[in-house]
């Protein structure tokens, strides 16, 4: 079965792989720039590899960072805003 990856999850993986830190309390623009530059630098496969490596090496820290990345991505681009953008 072929599945299309969820764009929000791909962006969360890119944020996870970026140098941006939760402690910086980044703005929406900083998050979007970090995601874009990380995707350009690593690609989706590179982001997934970084994620896998961190979960293998430091699962407790990686889980916390991924929770932050997912929450941040959902806050900066909530599903309702995406649906409205696609409909318009």
Protein backbone atom coordinates (compact mmCIF):
# COMPACT_ATOMS: atom_id res chain seq x y z
CA UNK A 1 0.00 0.00 0.00
CA UNK A 2 1.45 3.33 -1.11
CA UNK A 3 0.90 6.20 1.33
CA UNK A 4 1.53 9.87 0.77
CA UNK A 5 3.47 11.34 3.70
CA UNK A 6 1.62 13.94 5.78
CA UNK A 7 3.13 17.37 5.00
CA UNK A 8 2.83 18.43 8.64
CA UNK A 9 4.82 15.39 9.77
CA UNK A 10 7.49 16.07 7.14
CA UNK A 11 7.76 19.65 8.35
CA UNK A 12 7.97 18.46 11.98
CA UNK A 13 10.81 16.11 11.02
CA UNK A 14 12.59 19.04 9.34
CA UNK A 15 12.12 21.20 12.43
CA UNK A 16 13.42 18.34 14.57
CA UNK A 17 16.53 18.12 12.36
CA UNK A 18 17.08 21.89 12.33
CA UNK A 19 19.39 23.73 14.72
CA UNK A 20 16.42 25.72 16.11
CA UNK A 21 15.85 25.10 19.82
CA UNK A 22 12.63 25.17 21.85
CA UNK A 23 14.43 27.26 24.47
CA UNK A 24 14.74 30.05 21.89
CA UNK A 25 10.93 30.36 21.76
CA UNK A 26 11.12 30.86 17.99
CA UNK A 27 8.62 32.98 16.10
CA UNK A 28 6.45 31.56 13.33
CA UNK A 29 8.77 33.10 10.73
CA UNK A 30 11.84 31.56 12.39
CA UNK A 31 10.16 28.15 12.39
CA UNK A 32 9.18 28.44 8.73
CA UNK A 33 12.69 29.54 7.73
CA UNK A 34 14.29 26.72 9.75
CA UNK A 35 12.00 24.13 8.16
CA UNK A 36 12.63 25.45 4.63
CA UNK A 37 16.40 25.64 5.02
CA UNK A 38 16.64 22.20 6.65
CA UNK A 39 14.52 20.61 3.92
CA UNK A 40 16.70 22.30 1.29
CA UNK A 41 19.90 21.17 3.03
CA UNK A 42 18.95 17.60 4.00
CA UNK A 43 15.86 16.70 1.98
CA UNK A 44 13.08 14.59 3.45
CA UNK A 45 15.24 11.45 3.58
CA UNK A 46 18.00 13.30 5.43
CA UNK A 47 15.53 14.66 7.97
CA UNK A 48 14.13 11.17 8.54
CA UNK A 49 17.67 9.80 8.95
CA UNK A 50 18.48 12.48 11.54
CA UNK A 51 15.28 11.65 13.40
CA UNK A 52 16.05 7.92 13.38
CA UNK A 53 19.62 8.46 14.55
CA UNK A 54 18.55 10.66 17.46
CA UNK A 55 15.85 8.22 18.55
CA UNK A 56 18.47 5.45 18.44
CA UNK A 57 21.09 7.42 20.37
CA UNK A 58 18.97 9.49 22.77
CA UNK A 59 15.35 8.25 22.76
CA UNK A 60 14.27 10.24 25.81
CA UNK A 61 15.58 13.55 24.47
CA UNK A 62 14.40 12.81 20.95
CA UNK A 63 10.84 12.14 22.14
CA UNK A 64 10.77 15.50 23.92
CA UNK A 65 12.16 17.31 20.88
CA UNK A 66 9.72 15.59 18.51
CA UNK A 67 6.79 16.51 20.74
CA UNK A 68 7.95 20.13 20.61
CA UNK A 69 8.42 19.96 16.82
CA UNK A 70 4.96 18.50 16.22
CA UNK A 71 3.28 20.97 18.56
CA UNK A 72 5.14 23.89 17.00
CA UNK A 73 4.31 22.86 13.42
CA UNK A 74 0.64 22.35 14.28
CA UNK A 75 0.62 25.79 15.92
CA UNK A 76 2.32 27.57 13.02
CA UNK A 77 0.20 25.84 10.37
CA UNK A 78 -2.98 24.48 11.96
CA UNK A 79 -5.03 22.02 9.89
CA UNK A 80 -8.02 24.41 9.69
CA UNK A 81 -5.80 27.10 8.14
CA UNK A 82 -4.46 24.60 5.61
CA UNK A 83 -7.96 23.47 4.69
CA UNK A 84 -9.04 27.08 4.13
CA UNK A 85 -5.95 27.78 2.02
CA UNK A 86 -6.59 24.71 -0.13
CA UNK A 87 -10.27 25.58 -0.56
CA UNK A 88 -9.53 29.18 -1.56
